Amino acid sequence: MTLSVTIGEHSFSIKNINLAEHTADVNGAPVRFDFKHIHGELYSLLVNDRSYSVQINSADGADEIRLGPHIFNAVVEDAQSLALRRLKTQAQPANSEVIIKAPMPGLITRILTAPGKTVRAGQALIVIEAMKMENELKAPSDGVIAEVLAEAQSPVDKGAVLIKIKSA
């Protein structure tokens, strides 16, 4: 089994997973691991003899991972779900709309774009502060900003629509 994992802006491949021996290959390098559920959203993760306490909140097919004061958005896909996502992306109509939602509750500290601006995939659009950490939300694809619904220095709830982008 091969898994494609994206955490924040970093993507990697996990292959040759052996649950009995607690080993896997991550981007081709051998790794020893152990992963145990502690309670609720709290897990213990051991990677190459380094221990981590991880809090995982799953929603909408993505996971929010908290490691100490840091928050990361993560997506784990097997080969089938990865292929399906790629097909959906390729089949997306030319003039479709992409909606950027708040991945967590927080405060909008900066808006880095405006309606009518052309954006590229990966370009920073908005900055949210949550738990004293700033998180940049980036454009998932090329397009033109259709609407900015968020306001700087205003609080937002998780899932709030912040920006609408017309696909290029």
C-alpha atoms as a PDB file:
ATOM      1  CA  MET A   1       0.000   0.000   0.000  1.00  0.00           C
ATOM      2  CA  THR A   2       1.207   3.490  -0.850  1.00  0.00           C
ATOM      3  CA  LEU A   3      -0.076   6.616   0.871  1.00  0.00           C
ATOM      4  CA  SER A   4       0.281  10.188  -0.340  1.00  0.00           C
ATOM      5  CA  VAL A   5       0.480  12.554   2.644  1.00  0.00           C
ATOM      6  CA  THR A   6       0.306  16.342   2.548  1.00  0.00           C
ATOM      7  CA  ILE A   7       0.929  18.262   5.773  1.00  0.00           C
ATOM      8  CA  GLY A   8       0.796  22.008   5.330  1.00  0.00           C
ATOM      9  CA  GLU A   9       2.877  22.693   2.213  1.00  0.00           C
ATOM     10  CA  HIS A  10       4.924  19.483   2.429  1.00  0.00           C
ATOM     11  CA  SER A  11       3.989  16.313   0.531  1.00  0.00           C
ATOM     12  CA  PHE A  12       5.550  12.895   0.844  1.00  0.00           C
ATOM     13  CA  SER A  13       4.980   9.266  -0.062  1.00  0.00           C
ATOM     14  CA  ILE A  14       4.750   6.400   2.426  1.00  0.00           C
ATOM     15  CA  LYS A  15       5.369   2.891   1.053  1.00  0.00           C
ATOM     16  CA  ASN A  16       6.125  -0.618   2.340  1.00  0.00           C
ATOM     17  CA  ILE A  17       4.135  -0.109   5.531  1.00  0.00           C
ATOM     18  CA  ASN A  18       4.710  -3.029   7.908  1.00  0.00           C
ATOM     19  CA  LEU A  19       2.410  -2.670  10.911  1.00  0.00           C
ATOM     20  CA  ALA A  20       3.784  -5.792  12.622  1.00  0.00           C
ATOM     21  CA  GLU A  21       7.364  -4.489  12.577  1.00  0.00           C
ATOM     22  CA  HIS A  22       6.400  -0.781  12.822  1.00  0.00           C
ATOM     23  CA  THR A  23       8.432   0.186   9.747  1.00  0.00           C
ATOM     24  CA  ALA A  24       7.774   2.062   6.506  1.00  0.00           C
ATOM     25  CA  ASP A  25       9.618   3.911   3.754  1.00  0.00           C
ATOM     26  CA  VAL A  26       9.002   7.668   3.740  1.00  0.00           C
ATOM     27  CA  ASN A  27      10.172   9.274   0.478  1.00  0.00           C
ATOM     28  CA  GLY A  28      12.404   6.224   0.034  1.00  0.00           C
ATOM     29  CA  ALA A  29      14.049   6.391   3.488  1.00  0.00           C
ATOM     30  CA  PRO A  30      13.365   3.656   6.082  1.00  0.00           C
ATOM     31  CA  VAL A  31      11.518   4.855   9.189  1.00  0.00           C
ATOM     32  CA  ARG A  32      10.602   3.124  12.466  1.00  0.00           C
ATOM     33  CA  PHE A  33       7.290   4.273  13.937  1.00  0.00           C
ATOM     34  CA  ASP A  34       4.617   3.604  16.514  1.00  0.00           C
ATOM     35  CA  PHE A  35       1.236   5.317  16.707  1.00  0.00           C
ATOM     36  CA  LYS A  36      -1.173   4.862  19.618  1.00  0.00           C
ATOM     37  CA  HIS A  37      -4.497   6.417  20.534  1.00  0.00           C
ATOM     38  CA  ILE A  38      -4.348   7.887  24.048  1.00  0.00           C
ATOM     39  CA  HIS A  39      -7.719   9.533  24.626  1.00  0.00           C
ATOM     40  CA  GLY A  40     -10.202  11.573  22.555  1.00  0.00           C
ATOM     41  CA  GLU A  41      -8.197  13.429  19.894  1.00  0.00           C
ATOM     42  CA  LEU A  42      -4.818  12.775  21.595  1.00  0.00           C
ATOM     43  CA  TYR A  43      -2.292  10.324  20.098  1.00  0.00           C
ATOM     44  CA  SER A  44       1.263   9.254  20.866  1.00  0.00           C
ATOM     45  CA  LEU A  45       3.578   9.171  17.841  1.00  0.00           C
ATOM     46  CA  LEU A  46       7.078   7.675  17.897  1.00  0.00           C
ATOM     47  CA  VAL A  47       9.236   8.249  14.789  1.00  0.00           C
ATOM     48  CA  ASN A  48      12.818   6.932  14.768  1.00  0.00           C
ATOM     49  CA  ASP A  49      12.930   7.024  18.590  1.00  0.00           C
ATOM     50  CA  ARG A  50      11.573  10.605  18.815  1.00  0.00           C
ATOM     51  CA  SER A  51       8.331  10.924  20.759  1.00  0.00           C
ATOM     52  CA  TYR A  52       5.510  13.345  19.915  1.00  0.00           C
ATOM     53  CA  SER A  53       2.113  14.060  21.472  1.00  0.00           C
ATOM     54  CA  VAL A  54      -0.266  14.834  18.626  1.00  0.00           C
ATOM     55  CA  GLN A  55      -3.847  16.059  18.673  1.00  0.00           C
ATOM     56  CA  ILE A  56      -5.862  15.175  15.559  1.00  0.00           C
ATOM     57  CA  ASN A  57      -9.214  16.709  14.681  1.00  0.00           C
ATOM     58  CA  SER A  58     -10.807  15.094  11.603  1.00  0.00           C
ATOM     59  CA  ALA A  59     -13.415  16.928   9.532  1.00  0.00           C
ATOM     60  CA  ASP A  60     -14.438  17.203   5.877  1.00  0.00           C
ATOM     61  CA  GLY A  61     -11.892  14.617   4.634  1.00  0.00           C
ATOM     62  CA  ALA A  62      -8.960  16.569   6.063  1.00  0.00           C
ATOM     63  CA  ASP A  63      -7.256  16.448   9.423  1.00  0.00           C
ATOM     64  CA  GLU A  64      -6.130  19.329  11.588  1.00  0.00           C
ATOM     65  CA  ILE A  65      -2.991  18.263  13.447  1.00  0.00           C
ATOM     66  CA  ARG A  66      -1.735  20.066  16.539  1.00  0.00           C
ATOM     67  CA  LEU A  67       1.843  19.443  17.567  1.00  0.00           C
ATOM     68  CA  GLY A  68       2.614  21.642  20.565  1.00  0.00           C
ATOM     69  CA  PRO A  69       1.649  25.211  19.620  1.00  0.00           C
ATOM     70  CA  HIS A  70       1.744  24.427  15.885  1.00  0.00           C
ATOM     71  CA  ILE A  71      -1.337  23.642  13.785  1.00  0.00           C
ATOM     72  CA  PHE A  72      -1.090  21.860  10.433  1.00  0.00           C
ATOM     73  CA  ASN A  73      -3.714  20.816   7.910  1.00  0.00           C
ATOM     74  CA  ALA A  74      -3.124  17.283   6.638  1.00  0.00           C
ATOM     75  CA  VAL A  75      -4.577  15.084   3.918  1.00  0.00           C
ATOM     76  CA  VAL A  76      -3.802  11.360   3.644  1.00  0.00           C
ATOM     77  CA  GLU A  77      -4.775   9.599   0.417  1.00  0.00           C
ATOM     78  CA  ASP A  78      -4.319   6.069  -0.853  1.00  0.00           C
ATOM     79  CA  ALA A  79      -3.630   5.425  -4.551  1.00  0.00           C
ATOM     80  CA  GLN A  80      -7.338   5.143  -5.409  1.00  0.00           C
ATOM     81  CA  SER A  81      -8.456   8.378  -3.701  1.00  0.00           C
ATOM     82  CA  LEU A  82      -5.423  10.233  -5.127  1.00  0.00           C
ATOM     83  CA  ALA A  83      -6.310   9.098  -8.670  1.00  0.00           C
ATOM     84  CA  LEU A  84      -9.962  10.080  -8.147  1.00  0.00           C
ATOM     85  CA  ARG A  85      -8.984  13.561  -6.909  1.00  0.00           C
ATOM     86  CA  ARG A  86      -6.698  14.069  -9.915  1.00  0.00           C
ATOM     87  CA  LEU A  87      -9.510  13.042 -12.288  1.00  0.00           C
ATOM     88  CA  LYS A  88     -11.905  15.481 -10.617  1.00  0.00           C
ATOM     89  CA  THR A  89      -9.346  18.285 -10.918  1.00  0.00           C
ATOM     90  CA  GLN A  90      -8.827  17.562 -14.618  1.00  0.00           C
ATOM     91  CA  ALA A  91     -12.583  17.439 -15.220  1.00  0.00           C
ATOM     92  CA  GLN A  92     -13.190  20.789 -13.506  1.00  0.00           C
ATOM     93  CA  PRO A  93     -15.001  23.161 -15.901  1.00  0.00           C
ATOM     94  CA  ALA A  94     -12.970  26.153 -17.112  1.00  0.00           C
ATOM     95  CA  ASN A  95     -15.154  28.798 -15.469  1.00  0.00           C
ATOM     96  CA  SER A  96     -15.799  27.043 -12.177  1.00  0.00           C
ATOM     97  CA  GLU A  97     -15.559  28.783  -8.827  1.00  0.00           C
ATOM     98  CA  VAL A  98     -13.149  27.846  -6.045  1.00  0.00           C
ATOM     99  CA  ILE A  99     -14.158  28.757  -2.502  1.00  0.00           C
ATOM    100  CA  ILE A 100     -11.554  29.389   0.199  1.00  0.00           C
ATOM    101  CA  LYS A 101     -12.928  28.633   3.675  1.00  0.00           C
ATOM    102  CA  ALA A 102     -11.455  29.227   7.118  1.00  0.00           C
ATOM    103  CA  PRO A 103      -9.816  25.938   8.201  1.00  0.00           C
ATOM    104  CA  MET A 104     -10.101  26.958  11.862  1.00  0.00           C
ATOM    105  CA  PRO A 105     -11.621  29.718  13.979  1.00  0.00           C
ATOM    106  CA  GLY A 106      -9.375  32.752  14.322  1.00  0.00           C
ATOM    107  CA  LEU A 107      -8.737  36.391  13.497  1.00  0.00           C
ATOM    108  CA  ILE A 108      -8.166  37.637   9.946  1.00  0.00           C
ATOM    109  CA  THR A 109      -4.957  39.660  10.303  1.00  0.00           C
ATOM    110  CA  ARG A 110      -4.227  40.464   6.647  1.00  0.00           C
ATOM    111  CA  ILE A 111      -5.921  40.213   3.279  1.00  0.00           C
ATOM    112  CA  LEU A 112      -3.293  39.930   0.548  1.00  0.00           C
ATOM    113  CA  THR A 113      -5.518  40.192  -2.533  1.00  0.00           C
ATOM    114  CA  ALA A 114      -8.549  42.034  -3.897  1.00  0.00           C
ATOM    115  CA  PRO A 115     -11.418  41.369  -6.320  1.00  0.00           C
ATOM    116  CA  GLY A 116     -10.284  41.330  -9.943  1.00  0.00           C
ATOM    117  CA  LYS A 117      -6.679  40.361  -9.123  1.00  0.00           C
ATOM    118  CA  THR A 118      -5.152  37.410 -10.979  1.00  0.00           C
ATOM    119  CA  VAL A 119      -3.653  34.778  -8.657  1.00  0.00           C
ATOM    120  CA  ARG A 120      -1.426  31.754  -9.212  1.00  0.00           C
ATOM    121  CA  ALA A 121      -1.661  28.373  -7.492  1.00  0.00           C
ATOM    122  CA  GLY A 122       0.205  28.579  -4.179  1.00  0.00           C
ATOM    123  CA  GLN A 123      -0.038  32.373  -3.910  1.00  0.00           C
ATOM    124  CA  ALA A 124      -0.849  33.632  -0.383  1.00  0.00           C
ATOM    125  CA  LEU A 125      -4.327  35.187  -0.202  1.00  0.00           C
ATOM    126  CA  ILE A 126      -5.181  35.754   3.433  1.00  0.00           C
ATOM    127  CA  VAL A 127      -3.591  35.376   6.884  1.00  0.00           C
ATOM    128  CA  ILE A 128      -5.498  33.956   9.862  1.00  0.00           C
ATOM    129  CA  GLU A 129      -4.163  34.088  13.418  1.00  0.00           C
ATOM    130  CA  ALA A 130      -5.213  31.147  15.589  1.00  0.00           C
ATOM    131  CA  MET A 131      -3.666  30.199  18.929  1.00  0.00           C
ATOM    132  CA  LYS A 132      -1.036  32.971  18.446  1.00  0.00           C
ATOM    133  CA  MET A 133       0.151  31.352  15.192  1.00  0.00           C
ATOM    134  CA  GLU A 134      -0.280  32.956  11.780  1.00  0.00           C
ATOM    135  CA  ASN A 135      -1.555  30.679   9.005  1.00  0.00           C
ATOM    136  CA  GLU A 136      -1.424  31.727   5.350  1.00  0.00           C
ATOM    137  CA  LEU A 137      -4.216  30.458   3.141  1.00  0.00           C
ATOM    138  CA  LYS A 138      -3.079  30.002  -0.450  1.00  0.00           C
ATOM    139  CA  ALA A 139      -4.776  29.738  -3.815  1.00  0.00           C
ATOM    140  CA  PRO A 140      -5.273  26.057  -4.748  1.00  0.00           C
ATOM    141  CA  SER A 141      -5.249  26.910  -8.473  1.00  0.00           C
ATOM    142  CA  ASP A 142      -4.735  29.768 -10.912  1.00  0.00           C
ATOM    143  CA  GLY A 143      -7.656  32.161 -11.248  1.00  0.00           C
ATOM    144  CA  VAL A 144      -9.132  35.609 -10.720  1.00  0.00           C
ATOM    145  CA  ILE A 145     -10.443  36.803  -7.352  1.00  0.00           C
ATOM    146  CA  ALA A 146     -14.219  37.073  -7.758  1.00  0.00           C
ATOM    147  CA  GLU A 147     -15.075  38.138  -4.215  1.00  0.00           C
ATOM    148  CA  VAL A 148     -13.386  38.768  -0.860  1.00  0.00           C
ATOM    149  CA  LEU A 149     -15.906  38.163   1.926  1.00  0.00           C
ATOM    150  CA  ALA A 150     -13.505  38.502   4.869  1.00  0.00           C
ATOM    151  CA  GLU A 151     -12.421  41.739   6.508  1.00  0.00           C
ATOM    152  CA  ALA A 152      -9.044  42.430   8.117  1.00  0.00           C
ATOM    153  CA  GLN A 153      -9.044  42.392  11.934  1.00  0.00           C
ATOM    154  CA  SER A 154     -12.343  40.494  12.080  1.00  0.00           C
ATOM    155  CA  PRO A 155     -12.944  37.109  13.749  1.00  0.00           C
ATOM    156  CA  VAL A 156     -14.049  34.113  11.670  1.00  0.00           C
ATOM    157  CA  ASP A 157     -15.488  30.705  12.484  1.00  0.00           C
ATOM    158  CA  LYS A 158     -14.208  27.436  11.063  1.00  0.00           C
ATOM    159  CA  GLY A 159     -15.751  26.850   7.639  1.00  0.00           C
ATOM    160  CA  ALA A 160     -16.590  30.519   6.992  1.00  0.00           C
ATOM    161  CA  VAL A 161     -16.306  31.451   3.300  1.00  0.00           C
ATOM    162  CA  LEU A 162     -13.456  33.958   2.953  1.00  0.00           C
ATOM    163  CA  ILE A 163     -12.662  34.267  -0.766  1.00  0.00           C
ATOM    164  CA  LYS A 164     -14.197  33.146  -4.062  1.00  0.00           C
ATOM    165  CA  ILE A 165     -11.916  32.548  -7.062  1.00  0.00           C
ATOM    166  CA  LYS A 166     -13.008  32.093 -10.691  1.00  0.00           C
ATOM    167  CA  SER A 167     -10.817  29.414 -12.278  1.00  0.00           C
ATOM    168  CA  ALA A 168      -8.605  30.566 -15.137  1.00  0.00           C
END
